[in-house]
Amino acid sequence: MSEQHDVSAPIARRLRIQGKVQGVYFRQSTVQAAQALGVAGWVRNRHDGTVEALAVGAPEAVQALIDWAHRGPAAARVERVEVCEEPLPEPLPQAFAQEATA
């Protein structure tokens, strides 16, 4: 019998979203999408005009949030989404929050 990989084990991904993504309700929409998917973490504007997020949760839920980020809210024009693997933060976040600009 072979060992099964635990597909429900949480993963963490950092997203950097580029395009017309500030001033278009992107952060609040990301919070709503993450909460609906059961993803924890945070989202914030960056001084360089991008939006950055950390998504922590089940792999399929994190991927669904990444897929959503490629579209964003109606007023956004997403040009690029960079996704990087991240180590799981300790302690694991229990909710998804909007953070101050960094």
N, C-alpha and C. Protein backbone atom coordinates (compact mmCIF):
# COMPACT_ATOMS: atom_id res chain seq x y z
N MET A 1 0.83 -1.18 0.00
CA MET A 1 0.00 0.00 0.00
C MET A 1 0.88 1.25 0.00
N SER A 2 0.65 2.16 -0.92
CA SER A 2 1.48 3.36 -1.00
C SER A 2 0.93 4.44 -0.07
N GLU A 3 1.84 5.32 0.36
CA GLU A 3 1.45 6.43 1.22
C GLU A 3 0.67 7.46 0.42
N GLN A 4 -0.40 7.95 0.98
CA GLN A 4 -1.20 8.98 0.33
C GLN A 4 -0.75 10.35 0.82
N HIS A 5 -0.57 11.28 -0.09
CA HIS A 5 -0.27 12.65 0.29
C HIS A 5 -1.56 13.30 0.80
N ASP A 6 -1.47 14.01 1.90
CA ASP A 6 -2.66 14.64 2.49
C ASP A 6 -3.01 15.89 1.68
N VAL A 7 -3.99 15.76 0.79
CA VAL A 7 -4.35 16.87 -0.09
C VAL A 7 -5.10 17.97 0.67
N SER A 8 -5.55 17.68 1.90
CA SER A 8 -6.25 18.71 2.65
C SER A 8 -5.30 19.50 3.56
N ALA A 9 -4.03 19.11 3.62
CA ALA A 9 -3.08 19.85 4.44
C ALA A 9 -2.97 21.27 3.90
N PRO A 10 -2.96 22.26 4.80
CA PRO A 10 -2.94 23.65 4.32
C PRO A 10 -1.63 24.00 3.61
N ILE A 11 -1.75 24.92 2.67
CA ILE A 11 -0.59 25.47 1.97
C ILE A 11 -0.66 26.99 2.09
N ALA A 12 0.45 27.65 1.79
CA ALA A 12 0.49 29.11 1.80
C ALA A 12 1.09 29.59 0.48
N ARG A 13 0.47 30.61 -0.09
CA ARG A 13 0.95 31.23 -1.32
C ARG A 13 0.90 32.74 -1.18
N ARG A 14 1.97 33.41 -1.65
CA ARG A 14 1.99 34.87 -1.69
C ARG A 14 1.68 35.30 -3.11
N LEU A 15 0.75 36.23 -3.24
CA LEU A 15 0.33 36.73 -4.55
C LEU A 15 0.74 38.18 -4.68
N ARG A 16 1.22 38.56 -5.86
CA ARG A 16 1.48 39.96 -6.18
C ARG A 16 0.68 40.23 -7.44
N ILE A 17 -0.33 41.10 -7.32
CA ILE A 17 -1.25 41.35 -8.42
C ILE A 17 -0.92 42.71 -9.03
N GLN A 18 -0.71 42.73 -10.34
CA GLN A 18 -0.33 43.95 -11.05
C GLN A 18 -1.42 44.35 -12.02
N GLY A 19 -1.48 45.64 -12.31
CA GLY A 19 -2.46 46.19 -13.23
C GLY A 19 -3.19 47.34 -12.57
N LYS A 20 -4.42 47.59 -13.01
CA LYS A 20 -5.24 48.61 -12.35
C LYS A 20 -5.94 47.91 -11.20
N VAL A 21 -5.26 47.86 -10.04
CA VAL A 21 -5.75 47.07 -8.92
C VAL A 21 -5.88 47.86 -7.62
N GLN A 22 -5.53 49.14 -7.65
CA GLN A 22 -5.74 49.98 -6.48
C GLN A 22 -6.83 50.99 -6.80
N GLY A 23 -7.66 51.29 -5.78
CA GLY A 23 -8.76 52.22 -5.97
C GLY A 23 -9.93 51.62 -6.73
N VAL A 24 -9.99 50.29 -6.79
CA VAL A 24 -11.07 49.62 -7.53
C VAL A 24 -11.76 48.57 -6.66
N TYR A 25 -11.62 48.72 -5.32
CA TYR A 25 -12.28 47.81 -4.39
C TYR A 25 -11.64 46.42 -4.39
N PHE A 26 -10.37 46.33 -4.81
CA PHE A 26 -9.71 45.04 -4.94
C PHE A 26 -9.51 44.36 -3.59
N ARG A 27 -8.99 45.12 -2.61
CA ARG A 27 -8.71 44.50 -1.31
C ARG A 27 -9.98 43.97 -0.65
N GLN A 28 -11.02 44.80 -0.57
CA GLN A 28 -12.25 44.35 0.09
C GLN A 28 -12.87 43.17 -0.67
N SER A 29 -12.80 43.20 -1.99
CA SER A 29 -13.33 42.08 -2.78
C SER A 29 -12.52 40.81 -2.52
N THR A 30 -11.21 40.95 -2.33
CA THR A 30 -10.36 39.79 -2.02
C THR A 30 -10.74 39.21 -0.67
N VAL A 31 -10.98 40.07 0.32
CA VAL A 31 -11.41 39.59 1.63
C VAL A 31 -12.71 38.79 1.50
N GLN A 32 -13.66 39.31 0.74
CA GLN A 32 -14.94 38.62 0.57
C GLN A 32 -14.77 37.28 -0.15
N ALA A 33 -13.94 37.26 -1.20
CA ALA A 33 -13.70 36.01 -1.94
C ALA A 33 -13.01 34.99 -1.04
N ALA A 34 -12.00 35.43 -0.28
CA ALA A 34 -11.27 34.51 0.59
C ALA A 34 -12.18 33.94 1.67
N GLN A 35 -13.01 34.78 2.27
CA GLN A 35 -13.92 34.31 3.30
C GLN A 35 -14.90 33.29 2.73
N ALA A 36 -15.40 33.54 1.53
CA ALA A 36 -16.34 32.61 0.90
C ALA A 36 -15.68 31.26 0.62
N LEU A 37 -14.37 31.27 0.35
CA LEU A 37 -13.64 30.05 0.02
C LEU A 37 -13.04 29.36 1.25
N GLY A 38 -13.11 30.02 2.41
CA GLY A 38 -12.51 29.46 3.61
C GLY A 38 -11.00 29.60 3.65
N VAL A 39 -10.47 30.63 2.99
CA VAL A 39 -9.04 30.89 2.96
C VAL A 39 -8.70 31.94 4.02
N ALA A 40 -7.62 31.73 4.75
CA ALA A 40 -7.14 32.69 5.74
C ALA A 40 -5.95 33.46 5.16
N GLY A 41 -5.55 34.54 5.84
CA GLY A 41 -4.40 35.32 5.41
C GLY A 41 -4.69 36.79 5.43
N TRP A 42 -4.13 37.52 4.46
CA TRP A 42 -4.30 38.97 4.42
C TRP A 42 -4.09 39.50 3.01
N VAL A 43 -4.50 40.76 2.82
CA VAL A 43 -4.30 41.46 1.55
C VAL A 43 -3.96 42.91 1.88
N ARG A 44 -3.09 43.52 1.07
CA ARG A 44 -2.72 44.92 1.29
C ARG A 44 -2.26 45.55 -0.02
N ASN A 45 -2.40 46.87 -0.08
CA ASN A 45 -1.81 47.62 -1.18
C ASN A 45 -0.31 47.75 -0.94
N ARG A 46 0.44 47.88 -2.03
CA ARG A 46 1.88 48.15 -1.95
C ARG A 46 2.12 49.55 -2.51
N HIS A 47 3.16 50.19 -2.02
CA HIS A 47 3.47 51.54 -2.49
C HIS A 47 3.81 51.58 -3.98
N ASP A 48 4.18 50.43 -4.57
CA ASP A 48 4.52 50.39 -6.00
C ASP A 48 3.28 50.25 -6.89
N GLY A 49 2.07 50.28 -6.29
CA GLY A 49 0.85 50.21 -7.09
C GLY A 49 0.27 48.82 -7.24
N THR A 50 0.96 47.80 -6.71
CA THR A 50 0.45 46.44 -6.78
C THR A 50 -0.39 46.14 -5.54
N VAL A 51 -1.05 45.00 -5.57
CA VAL A 51 -1.74 44.46 -4.40
C VAL A 51 -1.04 43.16 -4.06
N GLU A 52 -0.78 42.95 -2.76
CA GLU A 52 -0.11 41.74 -2.30
C GLU A 52 -1.05 41.00 -1.36
N ALA A 53 -1.02 39.68 -1.42
CA ALA A 53 -1.86 38.87 -0.54
C ALA A 53 -1.11 37.63 -0.10
N LEU A 54 -1.46 37.15 1.09
CA LEU A 54 -0.99 35.86 1.57
C LEU A 54 -2.23 35.01 1.76
N ALA A 55 -2.29 33.88 1.07
CA ALA A 55 -3.44 32.97 1.14
C ALA A 55 -3.00 31.67 1.80
N VAL A 56 -3.73 31.27 2.84
CA VAL A 56 -3.42 30.06 3.58
C VAL A 56 -4.69 29.22 3.67
N GLY A 57 -4.59 27.97 3.28
CA GLY A 57 -5.77 27.10 3.37
C GLY A 57 -5.57 25.82 2.59
N ALA A 58 -6.68 25.12 2.39
CA ALA A 58 -6.65 23.89 1.60
C ALA A 58 -6.19 24.21 0.18
N PRO A 59 -5.40 23.34 -0.43
CA PRO A 59 -4.86 23.64 -1.77
C PRO A 59 -5.92 24.06 -2.79
N GLU A 60 -7.06 23.37 -2.81
CA GLU A 60 -8.08 23.71 -3.81
C GLU A 60 -8.70 25.08 -3.53
N ALA A 61 -8.82 25.45 -2.27
CA ALA A 61 -9.38 26.76 -1.92
C ALA A 61 -8.39 27.88 -2.25
N VAL A 62 -7.11 27.66 -1.96
CA VAL A 62 -6.09 28.66 -2.30
C VAL A 62 -6.02 28.84 -3.81
N GLN A 63 -6.08 27.73 -4.56
CA GLN A 63 -6.05 27.83 -6.03
C GLN A 63 -7.27 28.58 -6.54
N ALA A 64 -8.43 28.36 -5.92
CA ALA A 64 -9.64 29.08 -6.34
C ALA A 64 -9.48 30.59 -6.11
N LEU A 65 -8.82 30.97 -5.01
CA LEU A 65 -8.58 32.40 -4.76
C LEU A 65 -7.58 32.96 -5.77
N ILE A 66 -6.56 32.19 -6.11
CA ILE A 66 -5.60 32.61 -7.14
C ILE A 66 -6.33 32.81 -8.47
N ASP A 67 -7.20 31.87 -8.83
CA ASP A 67 -7.97 32.00 -10.06
C ASP A 67 -8.81 33.27 -10.03
N TRP A 68 -9.45 33.55 -8.88
CA TRP A 68 -10.26 34.76 -8.73
C TRP A 68 -9.38 36.00 -8.91
N ALA A 69 -8.17 35.98 -8.35
CA ALA A 69 -7.28 37.15 -8.42
C ALA A 69 -6.91 37.51 -9.85
N HIS A 70 -6.93 36.54 -10.75
CA HIS A 70 -6.65 36.82 -12.16
C HIS A 70 -7.74 37.68 -12.79
N ARG A 71 -8.93 37.67 -12.19
CA ARG A 71 -10.05 38.50 -12.68
C ARG A 71 -10.23 39.73 -11.80
N GLY A 72 -10.32 39.50 -10.49
CA GLY A 72 -10.54 40.60 -9.55
C GLY A 72 -11.95 41.14 -9.67
N PRO A 73 -12.22 42.25 -8.97
CA PRO A 73 -13.54 42.88 -9.06
C PRO A 73 -13.75 43.52 -10.43
N ALA A 74 -14.99 43.89 -10.70
CA ALA A 74 -15.37 44.38 -12.03
C ALA A 74 -14.53 45.55 -12.52
N ALA A 75 -14.18 46.50 -11.64
CA ALA A 75 -13.46 47.70 -12.08
C ALA A 75 -11.95 47.48 -12.26
N ALA A 76 -11.45 46.34 -11.83
CA ALA A 76 -10.01 46.06 -11.93
C ALA A 76 -9.63 45.63 -13.34
N ARG A 77 -8.37 45.89 -13.69
CA ARG A 77 -7.77 45.35 -14.91
C ARG A 77 -6.49 44.64 -14.49
N VAL A 78 -6.59 43.35 -14.26
CA VAL A 78 -5.45 42.57 -13.80
C VAL A 78 -4.57 42.25 -15.00
N GLU A 79 -3.31 42.64 -14.92
CA GLU A 79 -2.36 42.37 -15.99
C GLU A 79 -1.50 41.15 -15.70
N ARG A 80 -1.22 40.92 -14.41
CA ARG A 80 -0.32 39.81 -14.06
C ARG A 80 -0.53 39.44 -12.59
N VAL A 81 -0.47 38.14 -12.31
CA VAL A 81 -0.50 37.65 -10.95
C VAL A 81 0.73 36.76 -10.75
N GLU A 82 1.63 37.18 -9.88
CA GLU A 82 2.78 36.36 -9.52
C GLU A 82 2.40 35.56 -8.29
N VAL A 83 2.70 34.26 -8.30
CA VAL A 83 2.37 33.39 -7.18
C VAL A 83 3.65 32.70 -6.72
N CYS A 84 3.95 32.81 -5.43
CA CYS A 84 5.14 32.18 -4.86
C CYS A 84 4.73 31.28 -3.69
N GLU A 85 5.37 30.11 -3.60
CA GLU A 85 5.16 29.26 -2.44
C GLU A 85 5.73 29.96 -1.21
N GLU A 86 5.05 29.81 -0.09
CA GLU A 86 5.49 30.38 1.17
C GLU A 86 5.45 29.29 2.23
N PRO A 87 6.34 29.38 3.24
CA PRO A 87 6.19 28.46 4.37
C PRO A 87 4.92 28.82 5.14
N LEU A 88 4.30 27.84 5.78
CA LEU A 88 3.11 28.13 6.57
C LEU A 88 3.48 29.05 7.72
N PRO A 89 2.74 30.15 7.89
CA PRO A 89 3.03 31.05 9.01
C PRO A 89 2.64 30.40 10.33
N GLU A 90 3.36 30.76 11.37
CA GLU A 90 3.01 30.29 12.71
C GLU A 90 2.79 31.49 13.60
N PRO A 91 1.68 31.54 14.29
CA PRO A 91 0.57 30.58 14.19
C PRO A 91 -0.18 30.78 12.87
N LEU A 92 -0.92 29.75 12.48
CA LEU A 92 -1.72 29.85 11.26
C LEU A 92 -2.81 30.91 11.45
N PRO A 93 -3.01 31.77 10.45
CA PRO A 93 -4.10 32.75 10.57
C PRO A 93 -5.45 32.04 10.57
N GLN A 94 -6.39 32.58 11.31
CA GLN A 94 -7.72 31.97 11.43
C GLN A 94 -8.76 32.70 10.58
N ALA A 95 -8.39 33.84 10.04
CA ALA A 95 -9.33 34.64 9.25
C ALA A 95 -8.56 35.31 8.11
N PHE A 96 -9.28 36.04 7.27
CA PHE A 96 -8.64 36.79 6.18
C PHE A 96 -8.91 38.26 6.42
N ALA A 97 -7.86 39.08 6.43
CA ALA A 97 -7.98 40.47 6.82
C ALA A 97 -7.33 41.40 5.81
N GLN A 98 -7.78 42.64 5.82
CA GLN A 98 -7.16 43.70 5.03
C GLN A 98 -6.13 44.37 5.92
N GLU A 99 -4.90 44.52 5.43
CA GLU A 99 -3.84 45.15 6.21
C GLU A 99 -3.45 46.50 5.61
N ALA A 100 -2.69 47.25 6.38
CA ALA A 100 -2.26 48.59 5.95
C ALA A 100 -1.28 48.47 4.79
N THR A 101 -1.22 49.51 3.99
CA THR A 101 -0.31 49.58 2.85
C THR A 101 1.14 49.40 3.33
N ALA A 102 1.91 48.68 2.54
CA ALA A 102 3.31 48.42 2.89
C ALA A 102 4.22 48.94 1.79
